[in-house]
C-alpha atoms as a PDB file:
ATOM      1  CA  MET A   1     -41.262 -20.643  82.995  1.00  0.00           C
ATOM      2  CA  SER A   2     -44.371 -19.134  81.454  1.00  0.00           C
ATOM      3  CA  LYS A   3     -47.980 -19.406  82.576  1.00  0.00           C
ATOM      4  CA  ALA A   4     -49.786 -20.216  79.358  1.00  0.00           C
ATOM      5  CA  SER A   5     -53.437 -19.724  78.466  1.00  0.00           C
ATOM      6  CA  LYS A   6     -55.466 -22.425  76.715  1.00  0.00           C
ATOM      7  CA  ILE A   7     -55.551 -20.596  73.372  1.00  0.00           C
ATOM      8  CA  PRO A   8     -53.438 -22.344  70.683  1.00  0.00           C
ATOM      9  CA  VAL A   9     -51.206 -19.908  68.818  1.00  0.00           C
ATOM     10  CA  LEU A  10     -49.727 -22.708  66.712  1.00  0.00           C
ATOM     11  CA  GLU A  11     -51.593 -25.890  65.738  1.00  0.00           C
ATOM     12  CA  VAL A  12     -49.926 -28.687  63.799  1.00  0.00           C
ATOM     13  CA  LYS A  13     -52.240 -31.546  62.873  1.00  0.00           C
ATOM     14  CA  ASN A  14     -51.257 -34.801  61.161  1.00  0.00           C
ATOM     15  CA  LEU A  15     -48.301 -33.187  59.411  1.00  0.00           C
ATOM     16  CA  VAL A  16     -46.544 -35.280  56.761  1.00  0.00           C
ATOM     17  CA  LYS A  17     -43.554 -34.326  54.636  1.00  0.00           C
ATOM     18  CA  LYS A  18     -41.767 -36.702  52.272  1.00  0.00           C
ATOM     19  CA  PHE A  19     -38.653 -36.295  50.140  1.00  0.00           C
ATOM     20  CA  LYS A  20     -39.005 -38.944  47.414  1.00  0.00           C
ATOM     21  CA  ASP A  21     -39.083 -42.241  49.314  1.00  0.00           C
ATOM     22  CA  PHE A  22     -37.975 -40.750  52.650  1.00  0.00           C
ATOM     23  CA  THR A  23     -40.613 -39.613  55.144  1.00  0.00           C
ATOM     24  CA  ALA A  24     -39.035 -36.781  57.149  1.00  0.00           C
ATOM     25  CA  VAL A  25     -42.191 -35.917  59.116  1.00  0.00           C
ATOM     26  CA  ASP A  26     -44.640 -38.739  59.694  1.00  0.00           C
ATOM     27  CA  ASP A  27     -48.137 -37.727  60.858  1.00  0.00           C
ATOM     28  CA  ILE A  28     -47.221 -35.557  63.849  1.00  0.00           C
ATOM     29  CA  SER A  29     -49.614 -33.331  65.809  1.00  0.00           C
ATOM     30  CA  PHE A  30     -48.924 -30.803  68.557  1.00  0.00           C
ATOM     31  CA  ASP A  31     -49.756 -27.254  69.542  1.00  0.00           C
ATOM     32  CA  VAL A  32     -48.214 -24.264  71.277  1.00  0.00           C
ATOM     33  CA  LYS A  33     -50.586 -22.222  73.396  1.00  0.00           C
ATOM     34  CA  GLU A  34     -50.512 -18.495  74.005  1.00  0.00           C
ATOM     35  CA  GLY A  35     -47.603 -17.617  76.289  1.00  0.00           C
ATOM     36  CA  GLU A  36     -46.232 -21.187  76.231  1.00  0.00           C
ATOM     37  CA  ILE A  37     -42.682 -22.333  75.516  1.00  0.00           C
ATOM     38  CA  LEU A  38     -42.449 -25.719  73.819  1.00  0.00           C
ATOM     39  CA  GLY A  39     -39.159 -27.575  73.664  1.00  0.00           C
ATOM     40  CA  PHE A  40     -39.037 -29.437  70.341  1.00  0.00           C
ATOM     41  CA  LEU A  41     -36.378 -32.120  70.702  1.00  0.00           C
ATOM     42  CA  GLY A  42     -34.901 -35.009  68.809  1.00  0.00           C
ATOM     43  CA  PRO A  43     -31.660 -36.361  67.308  1.00  0.00           C
ATOM     44  CA  ASN A  44     -30.182 -35.098  64.055  1.00  0.00           C
ATOM     45  CA  GLY A  45     -32.452 -36.013  61.171  1.00  0.00           C
ATOM     46  CA  ALA A  46     -35.506 -36.496  63.386  1.00  0.00           C
ATOM     47  CA  GLY A  47     -37.619 -34.034  61.403  1.00  0.00           C
ATOM     48  CA  LYS A  48     -37.401 -30.910  63.589  1.00  0.00           C
ATOM     49  CA  SER A  49     -36.106 -28.435  61.019  1.00  0.00           C
ATOM     50  CA  THR A  50     -38.365 -29.840  58.314  1.00  0.00           C
ATOM     51  CA  THR A  51     -41.339 -29.296  60.610  1.00  0.00           C
ATOM     52  CA  ILE A  52     -40.277 -25.712  61.285  1.00  0.00           C
ATOM     53  CA  ASN A  53     -39.827 -25.050  57.558  1.00  0.00           C
ATOM     54  CA  CYS A  54     -43.356 -26.337  56.977  1.00  0.00           C
ATOM     55  CA  ILE A  55     -44.645 -24.059  59.732  1.00  0.00           C
ATOM     56  CA  LEU A  56     -42.879 -21.100  58.129  1.00  0.00           C
ATOM     57  CA  GLY A  57     -44.326 -21.968  54.738  1.00  0.00           C
ATOM     58  CA  VAL A  58     -40.856 -22.382  53.236  1.00  0.00           C
ATOM     59  CA  ILE A  59     -41.698 -25.914  52.124  1.00  0.00           C
ATOM     60  CA  GLU A  60     -45.139 -27.345  51.429  1.00  0.00           C
ATOM     61  CA  PRO A  61     -46.259 -30.358  53.462  1.00  0.00           C
ATOM     62  CA  ASP A  62     -47.635 -33.410  51.705  1.00  0.00           C
ATOM     63  CA  ASP A  63     -50.485 -33.755  54.185  1.00  0.00           C
ATOM     64  CA  GLY A  64     -51.851 -32.235  57.365  1.00  0.00           C
ATOM     65  CA  LYS A  65     -52.841 -28.771  58.542  1.00  0.00           C
ATOM     66  CA  ILE A  66     -50.908 -25.906  60.100  1.00  0.00           C
ATOM     67  CA  LYS A  67     -52.696 -23.016  61.762  1.00  0.00           C
ATOM     68  CA  MET A  68     -51.289 -19.946  63.463  1.00  0.00           C
ATOM     69  CA  PHE A  69     -53.545 -17.557  65.333  1.00  0.00           C
ATOM     70  CA  ALA A  70     -56.451 -19.799  64.229  1.00  0.00           C
ATOM     71  CA  LYS A  71     -55.713 -19.198  60.529  1.00  0.00           C
ATOM     72  CA  ASP A  72     -54.438 -21.655  57.923  1.00  0.00           C
ATOM     73  CA  ILE A  73     -50.846 -20.812  56.975  1.00  0.00           C
ATOM     74  CA  SER A  74     -51.368 -21.912  53.369  1.00  0.00           C
ATOM     75  CA  GLN A  75     -54.041 -19.263  52.831  1.00  0.00           C
ATOM     76  CA  ASN A  76     -52.915 -16.455  55.131  1.00  0.00           C
ATOM     77  CA  ARG A  77     -49.113 -16.582  55.121  1.00  0.00           C
ATOM     78  CA  SER A  78     -48.407 -12.877  54.508  1.00  0.00           C
ATOM     79  CA  GLU A  79     -50.751 -11.771  57.294  1.00  0.00           C
ATOM     80  CA  ILE A  80     -49.521 -14.409  59.745  1.00  0.00           C
ATOM     81  CA  MET A  81     -45.809 -13.838  59.169  1.00  0.00           C
ATOM     82  CA  LYS A  82     -46.085 -10.238  60.383  1.00  0.00           C
ATOM     83  CA  LYS A  83     -46.553 -11.680  63.887  1.00  0.00           C
ATOM     84  CA  VAL A  84     -43.936 -14.445  63.574  1.00  0.00           C
ATOM     85  CA  ASN A  85     -40.150 -14.524  63.535  1.00  0.00           C
ATOM     86  CA  TYR A  86     -37.427 -17.116  63.250  1.00  0.00           C
ATOM     87  CA  CYS A  87     -33.854 -17.735  64.311  1.00  0.00           C
ATOM     88  CA  SER A  88     -31.622 -20.651  63.357  1.00  0.00           C
ATOM     89  CA  ALA A  89     -28.031 -21.709  63.869  1.00  0.00           C
ATOM     90  CA  GLU A  90     -27.871 -22.238  60.096  1.00  0.00           C
ATOM     91  CA  TYR A  91     -29.501 -18.936  59.128  1.00  0.00           C
ATOM     92  CA  ASN A  92     -27.230 -16.124  57.966  1.00  0.00           C
ATOM     93  CA  VAL A  93     -28.180 -12.521  57.400  1.00  0.00           C
ATOM     94  CA  ALA A  94     -26.474 -10.754  54.479  1.00  0.00           C
ATOM     95  CA  TRP A  95     -22.713 -10.973  54.991  1.00  0.00           C
ATOM     96  CA  ASN A  96     -21.948  -7.905  52.873  1.00  0.00           C
ATOM     97  CA  LEU A  97     -23.977  -5.598  55.124  1.00  0.00           C
ATOM     98  CA  LYS A  98     -22.987  -4.061  58.393  1.00  0.00           C
ATOM     99  CA  VAL A  99     -24.922  -5.271  61.419  1.00  0.00           C
ATOM    100  CA  TYR A 100     -26.977  -2.097  61.764  1.00  0.00           C
ATOM    101  CA  GLU A 101     -27.749  -2.040  58.035  1.00  0.00           C
ATOM    102  CA  ALA A 102     -28.935  -5.640  58.078  1.00  0.00           C
ATOM    103  CA  LEU A 103     -31.192  -5.106  61.078  1.00  0.00           C
ATOM    104  CA  PHE A 104     -32.619  -1.920  59.565  1.00  0.00           C
ATOM    105  CA  PHE A 105     -33.395  -3.860  56.380  1.00  0.00           C
ATOM    106  CA  TYR A 106     -35.412  -6.389  58.388  1.00  0.00           C
ATOM    107  CA  CYS A 107     -37.189  -3.592  60.243  1.00  0.00           C
ATOM    108  CA  CYS A 108     -38.317  -2.307  56.844  1.00  0.00           C
ATOM    109  CA  LEU A 109     -39.562  -5.749  55.827  1.00  0.00           C
ATOM    110  CA  TYR A 110     -41.555  -6.067  59.046  1.00  0.00           C
ATOM    111  CA  GLU A 111     -42.701  -2.440  58.930  1.00  0.00           C
ATOM    112  CA  VAL A 112     -41.298  -1.827  62.412  1.00  0.00           C
ATOM    113  CA  GLU A 113     -42.077   1.625  63.789  1.00  0.00           C
ATOM    114  CA  ASN A 114     -39.239   3.651  65.340  1.00  0.00           C
ATOM    115  CA  ALA A 115     -36.758   1.230  63.765  1.00  0.00           C
ATOM    116  CA  ASN A 116     -33.612   2.989  64.943  1.00  0.00           C
ATOM    117  CA  ALA A 117     -34.689   2.980  68.586  1.00  0.00           C
ATOM    118  CA  ARG A 118     -35.825  -0.636  68.314  1.00  0.00           C
ATOM    119  CA  ILE A 119     -32.488  -1.749  66.888  1.00  0.00           C
ATOM    120  CA  GLU A 120     -30.518   0.102  69.549  1.00  0.00           C
ATOM    121  CA  ARG A 121     -32.590  -1.427  72.328  1.00  0.00           C
ATOM    122  CA  ILE A 122     -32.247  -4.988  71.104  1.00  0.00           C
ATOM    123  CA  LEU A 123     -28.521  -4.667  70.425  1.00  0.00           C
ATOM    124  CA  ASP A 124     -28.105  -3.354  73.953  1.00  0.00           C
ATOM    125  CA  GLN A 125     -30.132  -6.231  75.415  1.00  0.00           C
ATOM    126  CA  MET A 126     -27.928  -8.759  73.606  1.00  0.00           C
ATOM    127  CA  GLU A 127     -24.742  -6.863  74.534  1.00  0.00           C
ATOM    128  CA  ALA A 128     -24.020  -6.449  70.819  1.00  0.00           C
ATOM    129  CA  ASN A 129     -23.831  -2.666  70.388  1.00  0.00           C
ATOM    130  CA  GLU A 130     -20.103  -2.890  69.818  1.00  0.00           C
ATOM    131  CA  PHE A 131     -20.740  -4.874  66.621  1.00  0.00           C
ATOM    132  CA  LYS A 132     -23.290  -2.581  64.982  1.00  0.00           C
ATOM    133  CA  ASN A 133     -20.849  -0.932  62.567  1.00  0.00           C
ATOM    134  CA  LYS A 134     -19.009  -4.138  61.696  1.00  0.00           C
ATOM    135  CA  PHE A 135     -19.640  -6.232  58.613  1.00  0.00           C
ATOM    136  CA  LEU A 136     -21.419  -9.484  59.399  1.00  0.00           C
ATOM    137  CA  ARG A 137     -18.730 -11.405  57.509  1.00  0.00           C
ATOM    138  CA  ASP A 138     -16.156 -10.190  60.044  1.00  0.00           C
ATOM    139  CA  LEU A 139     -18.007 -11.484  63.104  1.00  0.00           C
ATOM    140  CA  SER A 140     -17.340 -14.769  64.867  1.00  0.00           C
ATOM    141  CA  PHE A 141     -19.949 -17.556  64.720  1.00  0.00           C
ATOM    142  CA  GLY A 142     -21.086 -16.726  68.241  1.00  0.00           C
ATOM    143  CA  GLN A 143     -21.404 -13.024  67.425  1.00  0.00           C
ATOM    144  CA  ARG A 144     -23.421 -13.808  64.299  1.00  0.00           C
ATOM    145  CA  ALA A 145     -25.719 -15.985  66.392  1.00  0.00           C
ATOM    146  CA  ARG A 146     -26.359 -13.047  68.699  1.00  0.00           C
ATOM    147  CA  ILE A 147     -27.224 -10.805  65.750  1.00  0.00           C
ATOM    148  CA  SER A 148     -29.533 -13.473  64.323  1.00  0.00           C
ATOM    149  CA  LEU A 149     -31.335 -13.618  67.664  1.00  0.00           C
ATOM    150  CA  CYS A 150     -31.584  -9.821  67.641  1.00  0.00           C
ATOM    151  CA  LYS A 151     -33.167 -10.024  64.176  1.00  0.00           C
ATOM    152  CA  SER A 152     -35.783 -12.474  65.456  1.00  0.00           C
ATOM    153  CA  LEU A 153     -37.009  -9.994  68.075  1.00  0.00           C
ATOM    154  CA  LEU A 154     -37.266  -6.881  65.886  1.00  0.00           C
ATOM    155  CA  ASN A 155     -40.994  -7.084  65.164  1.00  0.00           C
ATOM    156  CA  ASP A 156     -42.131  -7.997  68.702  1.00  0.00           C
ATOM    157  CA  PRO A 157     -43.309 -11.406  67.456  1.00  0.00           C
ATOM    158  CA  LYS A 158     -46.211 -13.216  69.052  1.00  0.00           C
ATOM    159  CA  LEU A 159     -44.794 -16.550  67.874  1.00  0.00           C
ATOM    160  CA  LEU A 160     -41.051 -17.151  67.856  1.00  0.00           C
ATOM    161  CA  LEU A 161     -39.495 -20.182  66.174  1.00  0.00           C
ATOM    162  CA  LEU A 162     -35.985 -20.866  67.464  1.00  0.00           C
ATOM    163  CA  ASP A 163     -33.961 -23.638  65.823  1.00  0.00           C
ATOM    164  CA  GLU A 164     -30.798 -24.039  67.931  1.00  0.00           C
ATOM    165  CA  PRO A 165     -30.429 -20.257  68.220  1.00  0.00           C
ATOM    166  CA  MET A 166     -27.535 -20.332  70.686  1.00  0.00           C
ATOM    167  CA  ALA A 167     -25.530 -23.260  69.319  1.00  0.00           C
ATOM    168  CA  SER A 168     -22.455 -21.091  68.619  1.00  0.00           C
ATOM    169  CA  MET A 169     -22.596 -18.953  71.756  1.00  0.00           C
ATOM    170  CA  ASP A 170     -20.338 -19.377  74.767  1.00  0.00           C
ATOM    171  CA  PRO A 171     -21.953 -20.551  78.056  1.00  0.00           C
ATOM    172  CA  ASP A 172     -22.048 -17.065  79.560  1.00  0.00           C
ATOM    173  CA  MET A 173     -23.880 -15.640  76.546  1.00  0.00           C
ATOM    174  CA  VAL A 174     -26.243 -18.631  76.456  1.00  0.00           C
ATOM    175  CA  ASP A 175     -27.195 -17.928  80.071  1.00  0.00           C
ATOM    176  CA  LYS A 176     -27.775 -14.251  79.289  1.00  0.00           C
ATOM    177  CA  GLY A 177     -29.742 -15.141  76.161  1.00  0.00           C
ATOM    178  CA  ILE A 178     -32.007 -17.524  78.083  1.00  0.00           C
ATOM    179  CA  ARG A 179     -32.622 -14.897  80.754  1.00  0.00           C
ATOM    180  CA  LEU A 180     -33.456 -12.311  78.094  1.00  0.00           C
ATOM    181  CA  LEU A 181     -35.859 -14.631  76.263  1.00  0.00           C
ATOM    182  CA  LYS A 182     -37.640 -15.578  79.488  1.00  0.00           C
ATOM    183  CA  ARG A 183     -38.074 -11.933  80.449  1.00  0.00           C
ATOM    184  CA  ILE A 184     -39.291 -10.826  77.021  1.00  0.00           C
ATOM    185  CA  GLN A 185     -41.563 -13.857  76.776  1.00  0.00           C
ATOM    186  CA  LYS A 186     -43.149 -13.081  80.132  1.00  0.00           C
ATOM    187  CA  GLU A 187     -43.587  -9.364  79.402  1.00  0.00           C
ATOM    188  CA  ASN A 188     -45.107  -9.842  75.935  1.00  0.00           C
ATOM    189  CA  LYS A 189     -46.756 -13.274  76.297  1.00  0.00           C
ATOM    190  CA  ILE A 190     -44.764 -14.620  73.367  1.00  0.00           C
ATOM    191  CA  SER A 191     -45.269 -18.232  72.366  1.00  0.00           C
ATOM    192  CA  ILE A 192     -42.005 -20.005  71.542  1.00  0.00           C
ATOM    193  CA  LEU A 193     -41.092 -23.220  69.739  1.00  0.00           C
ATOM    194  CA  TYR A 194     -37.502 -23.941  70.785  1.00  0.00           C
ATOM    195  CA  THR A 195     -35.152 -26.635  69.500  1.00  0.00           C
ATOM    196  CA  SER A 196     -31.718 -27.294  70.958  1.00  0.00           C
ATOM    197  CA  HIS A 197     -29.233 -30.071  71.621  1.00  0.00           C
ATOM    198  CA  ASN A 198     -28.296 -28.310  74.848  1.00  0.00           C
ATOM    199  CA  MET A 199     -30.662 -29.930  77.332  1.00  0.00           C
ATOM    200  CA  TRP A 200     -29.874 -27.334  79.989  1.00  0.00           C
ATOM    201  CA  GLU A 201     -31.420 -24.667  77.758  1.00  0.00           C
ATOM    202  CA  ILE A 202     -34.644 -26.652  77.440  1.00  0.00           C
ATOM    203  CA  GLU A 203     -34.797 -27.426  81.154  1.00  0.00           C
ATOM    204  CA  GLN A 204     -34.435 -23.729  81.904  1.00  0.00           C
ATOM    205  CA  ILE A 205     -37.012 -22.413  79.481  1.00  0.00           C
ATOM    206  CA  ALA A 206     -39.587 -25.014  78.390  1.00  0.00           C
ATOM    207  CA  ASP A 207     -43.059 -25.502  79.858  1.00  0.00           C
ATOM    208  CA  LYS A 208     -43.435 -28.778  77.991  1.00  0.00           C
ATOM    209  CA  VAL A 209     -41.453 -30.902  75.547  1.00  0.00           C
ATOM    210  CA  VAL A 210     -42.281 -32.805  72.388  1.00  0.00           C
ATOM    211  CA  PHE A 211     -39.627 -35.381  71.468  1.00  0.00           C
ATOM    212  CA  VAL A 212     -39.489 -36.579  67.865  1.00  0.00           C
ATOM    213  CA  ASN A 213     -37.522 -39.454  66.384  1.00  0.00           C
ATOM    214  CA  ASN A 214     -37.620 -40.857  62.847  1.00  0.00           C
ATOM    215  CA  GLY A 215     -40.266 -38.283  61.971  1.00  0.00           C
ATOM    216  CA  LYS A 216     -42.701 -39.405  64.678  1.00  0.00           C
ATOM    217  CA  ILE A 217     -43.531 -38.127  68.153  1.00  0.00           C
ATOM    218  CA  ALA A 218     -41.885 -40.494  70.622  1.00  0.00           C
ATOM    219  CA  ALA A 219     -42.807 -38.729  73.873  1.00  0.00           C
ATOM    220  CA  GLN A 220     -44.264 -35.519  75.233  1.00  0.00           C
ATOM    221  CA  GLY A 221     -44.816 -33.892  78.601  1.00  0.00           C
ATOM    222  CA  THR A 222     -43.141 -31.495  81.006  1.00  0.00           C
ATOM    223  CA  PRO A 223     -39.369 -31.869  81.473  1.00  0.00           C
ATOM    224  CA  LEU A 224     -39.937 -33.325  84.942  1.00  0.00           C
ATOM    225  CA  ASP A 225     -42.698 -35.696  83.814  1.00  0.00           C
ATOM    226  CA  LEU A 226     -40.524 -37.032  81.006  1.00  0.00           C
ATOM    227  CA  THR A 227     -37.601 -37.510  83.389  1.00  0.00           C
ATOM    228  CA  ARG A 228     -39.763 -39.472  85.819  1.00  0.00           C
ATOM    229  CA  ARG A 229     -41.295 -41.556  83.034  1.00  0.00           C
ATOM    230  CA  HIS A 230     -38.145 -42.393  81.103  1.00  0.00           C
ATOM    231  CA  PHE A 231     -35.252 -42.097  83.559  1.00  0.00           C
ATOM    232  CA  LEU A 232     -35.809 -41.832  87.325  1.00  0.00           C
ATOM    233  CA  ALA A 233     -39.315 -42.184  88.746  1.00  0.00           C
ATOM    234  CA  ASP A 234     -38.794 -40.497  92.138  1.00  0.00           C
ATOM    235  CA  THR A 235     -36.621 -37.534  91.107  1.00  0.00           C
ATOM    236  CA  ASP A 236     -37.544 -33.907  91.776  1.00  0.00           C
ATOM    237  CA  GLU A 237     -35.182 -32.512  89.124  1.00  0.00           C
ATOM    238  CA  PRO A 238     -35.499 -32.787  85.335  1.00  0.00           C
ATOM    239  CA  ASN A 239     -32.717 -34.589  83.498  1.00  0.00           C
ATOM    240  CA  LEU A 240     -33.495 -34.259  79.811  1.00  0.00           C
ATOM    241  CA  ARG A 241     -30.016 -35.376  78.823  1.00  0.00           C
ATOM    242  CA  GLU A 242     -30.738 -38.908  80.027  1.00  0.00           C
ATOM    243  CA  VAL A 243     -34.215 -38.806  78.509  1.00  0.00           C
ATOM    244  CA  PHE A 244     -32.762 -37.658  75.182  1.00  0.00           C
ATOM    245  CA  ILE A 245     -30.210 -40.480  75.142  1.00  0.00           C
ATOM    246  CA  LYS A 246     -32.789 -43.139  76.010  1.00  0.00           C
ATOM    247  CA  LEU A 247     -35.389 -42.018  73.484  1.00  0.00           C
ATOM    248  CA  SER A 248     -32.830 -41.468  70.723  1.00  0.00           C
ATOM    249  CA  ARG A 249     -31.608 -45.057  71.062  1.00  0.00           C
ATOM    250  CA  SER A 250     -35.004 -46.670  71.320  1.00  0.00           C
ATOM    251  CA  GLU A 251     -37.336 -47.667  68.500  1.00  0.00           C
ATOM    252  CA  ASP A 252     -40.051 -48.862  70.881  1.00  0.00           C
ATOM    253  CA  GLU A 253     -40.788 -45.899  73.155  1.00  0.00           C
ATOM    254  CA  HIS A 254     -44.396 -44.767  73.245  1.00  0.00           C
ATOM    255  CA  ILE A 255     -46.132 -41.588  74.406  1.00  0.00           C
END
């Protein structure tokens, strides 16, 4: 796991997002420091993806502040997004393009220097070179997930937002993907916000965890601290699966 500094790369303060009468995100605050990996957990509908979309500036929050690199996203989005990237299980790059064409297009958007070399390197790291001349529509779900993860690394981001990036990958590729992310994160001091329903992924990669339920923060701490607090007090091994189950079923858990 990473050794983070005390400098916040991402600051979310009192964030609120409503859809008519439904409050998807209800006054949550957290931060991700430089070089830190934050596991952002919760059951389906807890508000995770809505929070990420607010961070990306895709949807406008109803209240609260979001800062990245000490700058307000609402006023500096174009500048900030050059240092940010995103990967989601639900995100699809253009199906009618070949893999290499799609990645080159994103290199152009991010103004990546030496784009061809960058694409080749990342495809090689994700063991996806064999797909580069295939149309995205012809790839399996797991293969598309690998290409989406490749896309998220093209611009050497300083903040990486990963919303279940490996949900469609087989266990072997998940293991390789986690190893790759940990190595790249350590080398480049990337800050990562990582959501997943695979608790093993979070245990392997996260420095700390924020658990949300019904739009609110229900618990936060290191994976081991949360395990000791909500499952087994004297354990030396994290067990986020049991923590997830307990917090998801409870309406009365507190930080």
